[in-house]
């Protein structure tokens, strides 16, 4: 026999209370000393936008439903024009700089992250240490209809949204179960 609506509501409130308590005990704090505007996450201080100009996301990150499923494993960021300077989004060691299939790619290892930009004609070599904002190459054409750079991030082998570090992800908003 299915549970009554009252029991379901009580279970949901109990679950929400347990989640809130776990968050409180974890030491997470919404007041980090950094002003939060409109519920959007701030940029990580160790990260920079990899391309100069207005900060426009042409195509957002879309996580695939399965590891080999369709998705968009990064973000496409608008560039001011062809042959723009591409910069390291974060500091680290150049893990790969070369061609994959038909486009130039640069990958930076930054701790547990692999950060990839394309299409770029690399000006760096494998093993070189770069800081966030250092030039790593020149933008090539062919990825978007307009000039853009694709930025991808893998954390522990899983693609995640680069906007977690660049800022711009909208924060989750918890809504009441009942009004």
N, C-alpha and C. Protein backbone atom coordinates (compact mmCIF):
# COMPACT_ATOMS: atom_id res chain seq x y z
N UNK A 1 0.84 -1.17 0.00
CA UNK A 1 0.00 0.00 0.00
C UNK A 1 0.90 1.25 0.00
N UNK A 2 0.63 2.21 -0.92
CA UNK A 2 1.47 3.41 -0.99
C UNK A 2 1.32 4.27 0.26
N UNK A 3 2.39 5.02 0.58
CA UNK A 3 2.37 5.90 1.75
C UNK A 3 1.41 7.06 1.50
N UNK A 4 0.81 7.53 2.58
CA UNK A 4 -0.13 8.65 2.46
C UNK A 4 0.64 9.94 2.16
N UNK A 5 -0.06 10.95 1.58
CA UNK A 5 0.61 12.23 1.29
C UNK A 5 1.24 12.86 2.54
N UNK A 6 0.62 12.67 3.70
CA UNK A 6 1.17 13.24 4.94
C UNK A 6 2.51 12.60 5.28
N UNK A 7 2.59 11.27 5.14
CA UNK A 7 3.84 10.56 5.43
C UNK A 7 4.92 10.95 4.43
N UNK A 8 4.55 11.06 3.15
CA UNK A 8 5.52 11.46 2.12
C UNK A 8 6.06 12.86 2.43
N UNK A 9 5.17 13.79 2.80
CA UNK A 9 5.60 15.15 3.15
C UNK A 9 6.53 15.17 4.34
N UNK A 10 6.22 14.35 5.35
CA UNK A 10 7.07 14.28 6.53
C UNK A 10 8.44 13.73 6.17
N UNK A 11 8.48 12.72 5.31
CA UNK A 11 9.75 12.13 4.90
C UNK A 11 10.59 13.15 4.13
N UNK A 12 9.95 13.91 3.24
CA UNK A 12 10.68 14.91 2.46
C UNK A 12 11.23 16.01 3.37
N UNK A 13 10.44 16.47 4.34
CA UNK A 13 10.92 17.50 5.28
C UNK A 13 12.08 16.96 6.11
N UNK A 14 12.00 15.70 6.53
CA UNK A 14 13.07 15.08 7.30
C UNK A 14 14.34 14.99 6.46
N UNK A 15 14.20 14.59 5.21
CA UNK A 15 15.34 14.50 4.30
C UNK A 15 15.97 15.87 4.08
N UNK A 16 15.15 16.90 3.86
CA UNK A 16 15.66 18.26 3.66
C UNK A 16 16.38 18.76 4.91
N UNK A 17 15.83 18.46 6.08
CA UNK A 17 16.47 18.86 7.34
C UNK A 17 17.81 18.16 7.52
N UNK A 18 17.87 16.88 7.19
CA UNK A 18 19.12 16.13 7.30
C UNK A 18 20.17 16.69 6.34
N UNK A 19 19.76 17.05 5.13
CA UNK A 19 20.70 17.63 4.16
C UNK A 19 21.22 18.97 4.65
N UNK A 20 20.34 19.80 5.21
CA UNK A 20 20.76 21.10 5.73
C UNK A 20 21.72 20.93 6.90
N UNK A 21 21.46 19.97 7.78
CA UNK A 21 22.33 19.71 8.91
C UNK A 21 23.70 19.23 8.43
N UNK A 22 23.72 18.35 7.43
CA UNK A 22 24.98 17.85 6.89
C UNK A 22 25.80 18.99 6.30
N UNK A 23 25.15 19.91 5.60
CA UNK A 23 25.83 21.06 5.02
C UNK A 23 26.40 21.95 6.12
N UNK A 24 25.64 22.17 7.16
CA UNK A 24 26.08 22.99 8.28
C UNK A 24 27.29 22.36 8.97
N UNK A 25 27.24 21.05 9.20
CA UNK A 25 28.33 20.36 9.88
C UNK A 25 29.58 20.23 9.02
N UNK A 26 29.42 20.34 7.69
CA UNK A 26 30.58 20.21 6.80
C UNK A 26 31.46 21.44 6.83
N UNK A 27 30.97 22.53 7.43
CA UNK A 27 31.76 23.75 7.49
C UNK A 27 31.52 24.66 6.31
N UNK A 28 30.67 24.26 5.38
CA UNK A 28 30.36 25.12 4.24
C UNK A 28 29.61 26.34 4.73
N UNK A 29 29.96 27.47 4.18
CA UNK A 29 29.31 28.71 4.61
C UNK A 29 28.95 29.55 3.41
N UNK A 30 27.72 30.04 3.34
CA UNK A 30 27.36 30.90 2.23
C UNK A 30 28.01 32.27 2.34
N UNK A 31 28.49 32.65 3.52
CA UNK A 31 29.13 33.94 3.70
C UNK A 31 30.63 33.77 3.68
N UNK A 32 31.22 33.83 2.51
CA UNK A 32 32.65 33.61 2.38
C UNK A 32 33.45 34.89 2.39
N UNK A 33 32.79 36.04 2.56
CA UNK A 33 33.50 37.30 2.53
C UNK A 33 33.58 37.89 1.15
N UNK A 34 33.18 37.13 0.13
CA UNK A 34 33.18 37.62 -1.24
C UNK A 34 31.74 37.96 -1.61
N UNK A 35 31.48 39.18 -2.05
CA UNK A 35 30.11 39.52 -2.40
C UNK A 35 29.59 38.63 -3.51
N UNK A 36 28.37 38.17 -3.38
CA UNK A 36 27.73 37.33 -4.38
C UNK A 36 26.67 38.14 -5.09
N UNK A 37 26.81 38.33 -6.37
CA UNK A 37 25.83 39.09 -7.14
C UNK A 37 24.86 38.15 -7.83
N UNK A 38 23.62 38.36 -7.63
CA UNK A 38 22.53 37.66 -8.32
C UNK A 38 22.65 36.14 -8.34
N UNK A 39 23.22 35.55 -7.29
CA UNK A 39 23.26 34.10 -7.21
C UNK A 39 24.20 33.44 -8.19
N UNK A 40 25.16 34.18 -8.75
CA UNK A 40 26.10 33.62 -9.71
C UNK A 40 27.43 33.41 -9.02
N UNK A 41 28.07 32.27 -9.26
CA UNK A 41 29.33 31.96 -8.60
C UNK A 41 30.44 32.88 -9.08
N UNK A 42 31.38 33.25 -8.19
CA UNK A 42 32.50 34.09 -8.58
C UNK A 42 33.56 33.26 -9.28
N UNK A 43 34.48 33.93 -9.96
CA UNK A 43 35.59 33.23 -10.60
C UNK A 43 36.59 32.80 -9.53
N UNK A 44 37.25 31.67 -9.75
CA UNK A 44 38.32 31.22 -8.89
C UNK A 44 39.49 32.18 -9.09
N UNK A 45 40.14 32.65 -8.02
CA UNK A 45 41.22 33.61 -8.19
C UNK A 45 42.41 33.08 -8.98
N UNK A 46 42.56 31.77 -9.11
CA UNK A 46 43.65 31.20 -9.88
C UNK A 46 43.30 30.95 -11.34
N UNK A 47 42.16 31.46 -11.78
CA UNK A 47 41.71 31.23 -13.16
C UNK A 47 41.46 32.55 -13.86
N UNK A 48 41.66 32.54 -15.18
CA UNK A 48 41.39 33.71 -16.01
C UNK A 48 40.67 33.26 -17.28
N UNK A 49 39.91 34.17 -17.86
CA UNK A 49 39.25 33.91 -19.13
C UNK A 49 40.36 33.69 -20.17
N UNK A 50 40.30 32.65 -21.00
CA UNK A 50 41.40 32.34 -21.91
C UNK A 50 41.47 33.20 -23.17
N UNK A 51 40.53 34.10 -23.33
CA UNK A 51 40.49 34.92 -24.54
C UNK A 51 40.12 36.34 -24.11
N UNK A 52 40.73 37.35 -24.74
CA UNK A 52 40.43 38.74 -24.41
C UNK A 52 39.09 39.15 -25.01
N UNK A 53 38.52 40.21 -24.47
CA UNK A 53 37.27 40.73 -25.01
C UNK A 53 36.09 40.44 -24.11
N UNK A 54 34.88 40.73 -24.60
CA UNK A 54 33.67 40.49 -23.81
C UNK A 54 33.56 39.00 -23.44
N UNK A 55 33.05 38.74 -22.27
CA UNK A 55 32.93 37.36 -21.79
C UNK A 55 31.57 36.80 -22.18
N UNK A 56 31.57 36.13 -23.33
CA UNK A 56 30.32 35.60 -23.88
C UNK A 56 30.48 34.10 -24.10
N UNK A 57 29.55 33.32 -23.54
CA UNK A 57 29.53 31.88 -23.77
C UNK A 57 28.65 31.63 -24.99
N UNK A 58 29.27 31.19 -26.08
CA UNK A 58 28.53 30.91 -27.31
C UNK A 58 27.73 29.61 -27.20
N UNK A 59 28.34 28.61 -26.56
CA UNK A 59 27.67 27.32 -26.39
C UNK A 59 28.05 26.78 -25.01
N UNK A 60 27.06 26.45 -24.18
CA UNK A 60 27.36 26.02 -22.81
C UNK A 60 27.79 24.55 -22.73
N UNK A 61 28.26 24.19 -21.56
CA UNK A 61 28.59 22.81 -21.24
C UNK A 61 27.30 22.00 -21.15
N UNK A 62 27.30 20.81 -21.75
CA UNK A 62 26.16 19.89 -21.65
C UNK A 62 26.75 18.52 -21.30
N UNK A 63 26.53 18.10 -20.06
CA UNK A 63 27.07 16.81 -19.62
C UNK A 63 26.40 15.68 -20.38
N UNK A 64 27.19 14.70 -20.83
CA UNK A 64 26.59 13.56 -21.51
C UNK A 64 25.85 12.68 -20.51
N UNK A 65 24.79 12.00 -20.95
CA UNK A 65 24.03 11.14 -20.04
C UNK A 65 24.82 9.90 -19.61
N UNK A 66 25.79 9.50 -20.43
CA UNK A 66 26.65 8.36 -20.13
C UNK A 66 28.07 8.75 -20.52
N UNK A 67 29.10 8.04 -20.04
CA UNK A 67 30.47 8.43 -20.37
C UNK A 67 30.76 8.54 -21.88
N UNK A 68 30.07 7.77 -22.70
CA UNK A 68 30.33 7.81 -24.14
C UNK A 68 29.16 8.42 -24.91
N UNK A 69 28.21 9.01 -24.21
CA UNK A 69 27.04 9.60 -24.85
C UNK A 69 27.33 10.97 -25.43
N UNK A 70 26.36 11.46 -26.20
CA UNK A 70 26.48 12.78 -26.80
C UNK A 70 26.40 13.85 -25.72
N UNK A 71 27.09 14.92 -25.95
CA UNK A 71 27.09 16.06 -25.03
C UNK A 71 28.02 17.12 -25.57
N UNK A 72 28.21 18.17 -24.85
CA UNK A 72 29.19 19.21 -25.21
C UNK A 72 30.09 19.35 -24.01
N UNK A 73 31.26 18.74 -24.10
CA UNK A 73 32.16 18.56 -22.96
C UNK A 73 33.07 19.77 -22.74
N UNK A 74 32.47 20.92 -22.68
CA UNK A 74 33.21 22.16 -22.46
C UNK A 74 32.31 23.32 -22.81
N UNK A 75 32.91 24.50 -22.89
CA UNK A 75 32.16 25.70 -23.29
C UNK A 75 32.87 26.34 -24.47
N UNK A 76 32.09 26.93 -25.37
CA UNK A 76 32.65 27.70 -26.47
C UNK A 76 32.56 29.17 -26.08
N UNK A 77 33.71 29.84 -26.07
CA UNK A 77 33.79 31.23 -25.63
C UNK A 77 34.09 32.13 -26.83
N UNK A 78 33.29 33.17 -26.98
CA UNK A 78 33.44 34.08 -28.12
C UNK A 78 34.80 34.77 -28.08
N UNK A 79 35.42 34.87 -29.25
CA UNK A 79 36.67 35.60 -29.41
C UNK A 79 36.41 36.85 -30.24
N UNK A 80 37.30 37.83 -30.13
CA UNK A 80 37.14 39.09 -30.86
C UNK A 80 37.40 38.93 -32.34
N UNK A 81 38.11 37.90 -32.73
CA UNK A 81 38.39 37.69 -34.14
C UNK A 81 39.39 36.57 -34.33
N UNK A 82 39.60 36.24 -35.59
CA UNK A 82 40.56 35.18 -35.91
C UNK A 82 41.95 35.59 -35.45
N UNK A 83 42.75 34.63 -35.14
CA UNK A 83 44.14 34.81 -34.72
C UNK A 83 44.29 35.60 -33.42
N UNK A 84 43.29 35.54 -32.56
CA UNK A 84 43.39 36.17 -31.25
C UNK A 84 44.36 35.37 -30.38
N UNK A 85 44.98 36.03 -29.43
CA UNK A 85 45.87 35.34 -28.49
C UNK A 85 45.03 34.50 -27.53
N UNK A 86 45.42 33.24 -27.36
CA UNK A 86 44.76 32.35 -26.41
C UNK A 86 45.68 32.25 -25.20
N UNK A 87 45.09 32.38 -24.01
CA UNK A 87 45.86 32.40 -22.77
C UNK A 87 45.52 31.19 -21.89
N UNK A 88 46.45 30.83 -21.03
CA UNK A 88 46.20 29.75 -20.08
C UNK A 88 45.09 30.17 -19.13
N UNK A 89 44.05 29.34 -19.01
CA UNK A 89 42.95 29.65 -18.11
C UNK A 89 43.38 29.49 -16.65
N UNK A 90 44.37 28.63 -16.42
CA UNK A 90 44.90 28.40 -15.08
C UNK A 90 46.37 28.03 -15.20
N UNK A 91 47.07 28.11 -14.11
CA UNK A 91 48.47 27.73 -14.12
C UNK A 91 48.63 26.22 -14.06
N UNK A 92 49.78 25.74 -14.55
CA UNK A 92 50.06 24.32 -14.53
C UNK A 92 51.18 23.97 -15.48
N UNK A 93 51.23 22.72 -15.86
CA UNK A 93 52.26 22.20 -16.76
C UNK A 93 51.61 21.80 -18.07
N UNK A 94 52.23 22.18 -19.19
CA UNK A 94 51.69 21.80 -20.49
C UNK A 94 51.79 20.28 -20.62
N UNK A 95 50.65 19.65 -20.74
CA UNK A 95 50.53 18.19 -20.80
C UNK A 95 50.54 17.72 -22.26
N UNK A 96 49.97 18.54 -23.15
CA UNK A 96 49.92 18.23 -24.59
C UNK A 96 49.85 19.54 -25.36
N UNK A 97 50.58 19.61 -26.45
CA UNK A 97 50.50 20.75 -27.37
C UNK A 97 50.75 20.20 -28.76
N UNK A 98 49.72 20.16 -29.57
CA UNK A 98 49.86 19.60 -30.91
C UNK A 98 48.53 19.52 -31.62
N UNK A 99 48.47 18.60 -32.58
CA UNK A 99 47.28 18.45 -33.40
C UNK A 99 46.53 17.18 -33.02
N UNK A 100 45.22 17.30 -32.89
CA UNK A 100 44.34 16.15 -32.72
C UNK A 100 43.38 16.19 -33.90
N UNK A 101 43.45 15.17 -34.72
CA UNK A 101 42.69 15.05 -35.96
C UNK A 101 43.01 16.23 -36.86
N UNK A 102 42.21 17.30 -36.82
CA UNK A 102 42.43 18.41 -37.75
C UNK A 102 42.55 19.75 -37.05
N UNK A 103 42.79 19.75 -35.74
CA UNK A 103 42.86 21.04 -35.04
C UNK A 103 43.94 21.04 -33.97
N UNK A 104 44.47 22.24 -33.73
CA UNK A 104 45.47 22.40 -32.69
C UNK A 104 44.84 22.38 -31.32
N UNK A 105 45.52 21.73 -30.38
CA UNK A 105 45.00 21.56 -29.02
C UNK A 105 46.14 21.81 -28.04
N UNK A 106 45.82 22.48 -26.93
CA UNK A 106 46.76 22.63 -25.81
C UNK A 106 46.05 22.14 -24.56
N UNK A 107 46.71 21.25 -23.81
CA UNK A 107 46.16 20.74 -22.56
C UNK A 107 47.13 21.06 -21.43
N UNK A 108 46.58 21.60 -20.35
CA UNK A 108 47.36 21.97 -19.17
C UNK A 108 46.94 21.07 -18.01
N UNK A 109 47.93 20.48 -17.34
CA UNK A 109 47.64 19.73 -16.11
C UNK A 109 47.81 20.70 -14.95
N UNK A 110 46.73 20.83 -14.18
CA UNK A 110 46.72 21.72 -13.02
C UNK A 110 46.19 20.93 -11.84
N UNK A 111 47.09 20.32 -11.08
CA UNK A 111 46.66 19.44 -9.98
C UNK A 111 45.85 18.29 -10.53
N UNK A 112 44.63 18.08 -10.02
CA UNK A 112 43.81 16.96 -10.49
C UNK A 112 43.05 17.27 -11.79
N UNK A 113 43.26 18.47 -12.34
CA UNK A 113 42.50 18.88 -13.52
C UNK A 113 43.33 18.80 -14.79
N UNK A 114 42.66 18.45 -15.89
CA UNK A 114 43.21 18.59 -17.24
C UNK A 114 42.36 19.64 -17.93
N UNK A 115 42.99 20.73 -18.35
CA UNK A 115 42.30 21.87 -18.95
C UNK A 115 42.72 21.95 -20.41
N UNK A 116 41.76 21.86 -21.32
CA UNK A 116 42.06 21.82 -22.75
C UNK A 116 41.43 23.00 -23.47
N UNK A 117 42.21 23.60 -24.40
CA UNK A 117 41.68 24.64 -25.28
C UNK A 117 41.94 24.24 -26.72
N UNK A 118 40.98 24.60 -27.57
CA UNK A 118 41.10 24.34 -29.01
C UNK A 118 40.14 25.25 -29.76
N UNK A 119 40.29 25.49 -31.01
CA UNK A 119 41.45 25.22 -31.86
C UNK A 119 42.49 26.32 -31.67
N UNK A 120 43.71 25.91 -31.43
CA UNK A 120 44.78 26.87 -31.16
C UNK A 120 46.07 26.38 -31.80
N UNK A 121 46.80 27.30 -32.38
CA UNK A 121 48.14 27.00 -32.88
C UNK A 121 49.08 27.22 -31.69
N UNK A 122 49.61 26.14 -31.09
CA UNK A 122 50.35 26.27 -29.83
C UNK A 122 51.64 27.07 -29.97
N UNK A 123 51.93 27.85 -28.93
CA UNK A 123 53.22 28.55 -28.83
C UNK A 123 53.98 28.04 -27.61
N UNK A 124 53.52 26.94 -27.03
CA UNK A 124 54.13 26.33 -25.85
C UNK A 124 54.52 24.89 -26.18
N UNK A 125 55.34 24.30 -25.31
CA UNK A 125 55.79 22.93 -25.52
C UNK A 125 55.47 22.09 -24.29
N UNK A 126 55.35 20.78 -24.50
CA UNK A 126 55.07 19.85 -23.40
C UNK A 126 56.14 20.02 -22.32
N UNK A 127 55.69 20.07 -21.07
CA UNK A 127 56.60 20.22 -19.93
C UNK A 127 56.80 21.65 -19.48
N UNK A 128 56.42 22.61 -20.32
CA UNK A 128 56.57 24.02 -19.96
C UNK A 128 55.58 24.38 -18.85
N UNK A 129 56.03 25.19 -17.90
CA UNK A 129 55.17 25.65 -16.81
C UNK A 129 54.57 26.99 -17.21
N UNK A 130 53.24 27.12 -17.04
CA UNK A 130 52.55 28.36 -17.38
C UNK A 130 51.75 28.84 -16.18
N UNK A 131 51.52 30.15 -16.14
CA UNK A 131 50.65 30.75 -15.12
C UNK A 131 49.36 31.16 -15.79
N UNK A 132 48.31 31.31 -15.01
CA UNK A 132 47.04 31.78 -15.55
C UNK A 132 47.27 33.11 -16.26
N UNK A 133 46.78 33.21 -17.49
CA UNK A 133 46.93 34.43 -18.27
C UNK A 133 48.11 34.44 -19.22
N UNK A 134 49.04 33.47 -19.08
CA UNK A 134 50.17 33.40 -20.01
C UNK A 134 49.68 33.03 -21.40
N UNK A 135 50.24 33.66 -22.46
CA UNK A 135 49.88 33.26 -23.83
C UNK A 135 50.32 31.81 -24.08
N UNK A 136 49.43 31.02 -24.68
CA UNK A 136 49.77 29.63 -25.01
C UNK A 136 49.61 29.33 -26.50
N UNK A 137 49.10 30.31 -27.26
CA UNK A 137 48.95 30.09 -28.69
C UNK A 137 48.07 31.13 -29.33
N UNK A 138 47.77 30.87 -30.60
CA UNK A 138 46.94 31.77 -31.40
C UNK A 138 45.71 30.99 -31.86
N UNK A 139 44.56 31.63 -31.75
CA UNK A 139 43.30 31.00 -32.14
C UNK A 139 43.30 30.64 -33.61
N UNK A 140 42.83 29.44 -33.92
CA UNK A 140 42.63 29.00 -35.30
C UNK A 140 41.13 29.04 -35.59
N UNK A 141 40.79 29.00 -36.85
CA UNK A 141 39.37 29.00 -37.23
C UNK A 141 38.86 27.57 -37.33
N UNK A 142 37.54 27.45 -37.49
CA UNK A 142 36.99 26.14 -37.79
C UNK A 142 36.14 25.50 -36.72
N UNK A 143 36.15 26.02 -35.50
CA UNK A 143 35.36 25.35 -34.47
C UNK A 143 33.92 25.86 -34.44
N UNK A 144 33.75 27.16 -34.50
CA UNK A 144 32.42 27.79 -34.49
C UNK A 144 32.25 28.58 -35.78
N UNK A 145 31.02 28.97 -36.07
CA UNK A 145 30.78 29.82 -37.24
C UNK A 145 31.52 31.14 -37.07
N UNK A 146 31.44 31.73 -35.88
CA UNK A 146 32.20 32.94 -35.57
C UNK A 146 33.45 32.50 -34.81
N UNK A 147 34.37 33.42 -34.57
CA UNK A 147 35.59 33.08 -33.85
C UNK A 147 35.26 32.70 -32.41
N UNK A 148 35.74 31.54 -31.97
CA UNK A 148 35.54 31.12 -30.58
C UNK A 148 36.61 30.11 -30.19
N UNK A 149 36.80 29.96 -28.89
CA UNK A 149 37.70 28.95 -28.36
C UNK A 149 36.87 27.99 -27.52
N UNK A 150 37.18 26.71 -27.64
CA UNK A 150 36.52 25.68 -26.83
C UNK A 150 37.41 25.43 -25.62
N UNK A 151 36.81 25.50 -24.43
CA UNK A 151 37.53 25.25 -23.18
C UNK A 151 36.87 24.06 -22.50
N UNK A 152 37.66 23.03 -22.23
CA UNK A 152 37.15 21.85 -21.56
C UNK A 152 37.95 21.57 -20.29
N UNK A 153 37.30 20.98 -19.29
CA UNK A 153 37.97 20.62 -18.04
C UNK A 153 37.56 19.21 -17.66
N UNK A 154 38.58 18.39 -17.35
CA UNK A 154 38.33 17.06 -16.80
C UNK A 154 38.86 17.03 -15.36
N UNK A 155 38.01 16.56 -14.47
CA UNK A 155 38.38 16.42 -13.07
C UNK A 155 38.26 14.94 -12.73
N UNK A 156 39.38 14.32 -12.38
CA UNK A 156 39.42 12.88 -12.10
C UNK A 156 38.85 12.09 -13.28
N UNK A 157 39.15 12.54 -14.50
CA UNK A 157 38.73 11.83 -15.70
C UNK A 157 37.32 12.12 -16.17
N UNK A 158 36.58 12.95 -15.45
CA UNK A 158 35.20 13.26 -15.79
C UNK A 158 35.11 14.71 -16.27
N UNK A 159 34.45 14.92 -17.41
CA UNK A 159 34.26 16.28 -17.91
C UNK A 159 33.30 17.04 -17.01
N UNK A 160 33.69 18.26 -16.66
CA UNK A 160 32.87 19.14 -15.83
C UNK A 160 32.84 20.53 -16.47
N UNK A 161 31.91 21.36 -16.05
CA UNK A 161 31.80 22.69 -16.64
C UNK A 161 32.95 23.59 -16.21
N UNK A 162 33.66 24.19 -17.16
CA UNK A 162 34.72 25.14 -16.82
C UNK A 162 34.19 26.37 -16.08
N UNK A 163 32.90 26.63 -16.19
CA UNK A 163 32.34 27.80 -15.51
C UNK A 163 32.38 27.65 -14.00
N UNK A 164 32.64 26.44 -13.51
CA UNK A 164 32.83 26.26 -12.06
C UNK A 164 34.03 27.08 -11.59
N UNK A 165 35.04 27.25 -12.45
CA UNK A 165 36.24 27.98 -12.09
C UNK A 165 36.27 29.39 -12.67
N UNK A 166 35.67 29.57 -13.83
CA UNK A 166 35.65 30.90 -14.46
C UNK A 166 34.60 31.81 -13.84
N UNK A 167 33.67 31.24 -13.09
CA UNK A 167 32.56 32.01 -12.55
C UNK A 167 31.42 32.00 -13.55
N UNK A 168 30.26 32.31 -13.08
CA UNK A 168 29.13 32.41 -13.99
C UNK A 168 28.09 31.32 -13.85
N UNK A 169 28.36 30.27 -13.10
CA UNK A 169 27.32 29.26 -12.90
C UNK A 169 26.31 29.79 -11.90
N UNK A 170 25.06 29.63 -12.22
CA UNK A 170 24.01 30.07 -11.30
C UNK A 170 23.97 29.10 -10.12
N UNK A 171 23.85 29.64 -8.95
CA UNK A 171 23.76 28.82 -7.74
C UNK A 171 22.40 28.15 -7.66
N UNK A 172 22.38 26.95 -7.10
CA UNK A 172 21.12 26.23 -6.91
C UNK A 172 20.28 26.97 -5.87
N UNK A 173 19.00 27.00 -6.10
CA UNK A 173 18.07 27.64 -5.18
C UNK A 173 17.13 26.58 -4.64
N UNK A 174 17.10 26.44 -3.33
CA UNK A 174 16.19 25.47 -2.71
C UNK A 174 14.83 26.12 -2.54
N UNK A 175 13.81 25.46 -3.04
CA UNK A 175 12.44 25.96 -2.94
C UNK A 175 11.71 25.20 -1.85
N UNK A 176 10.73 25.82 -1.22
CA UNK A 176 9.97 25.11 -0.18
C UNK A 176 9.17 23.96 -0.78
N UNK A 177 8.97 22.91 0.02
CA UNK A 177 8.19 21.77 -0.44
C UNK A 177 6.72 22.12 -0.55
N UNK A 178 6.26 22.98 0.33
CA UNK A 178 4.85 23.38 0.33
C UNK A 178 4.79 24.90 0.37
N UNK A 179 3.75 25.44 -0.19
CA UNK A 179 3.59 26.91 -0.16
C UNK A 179 2.51 27.31 0.79
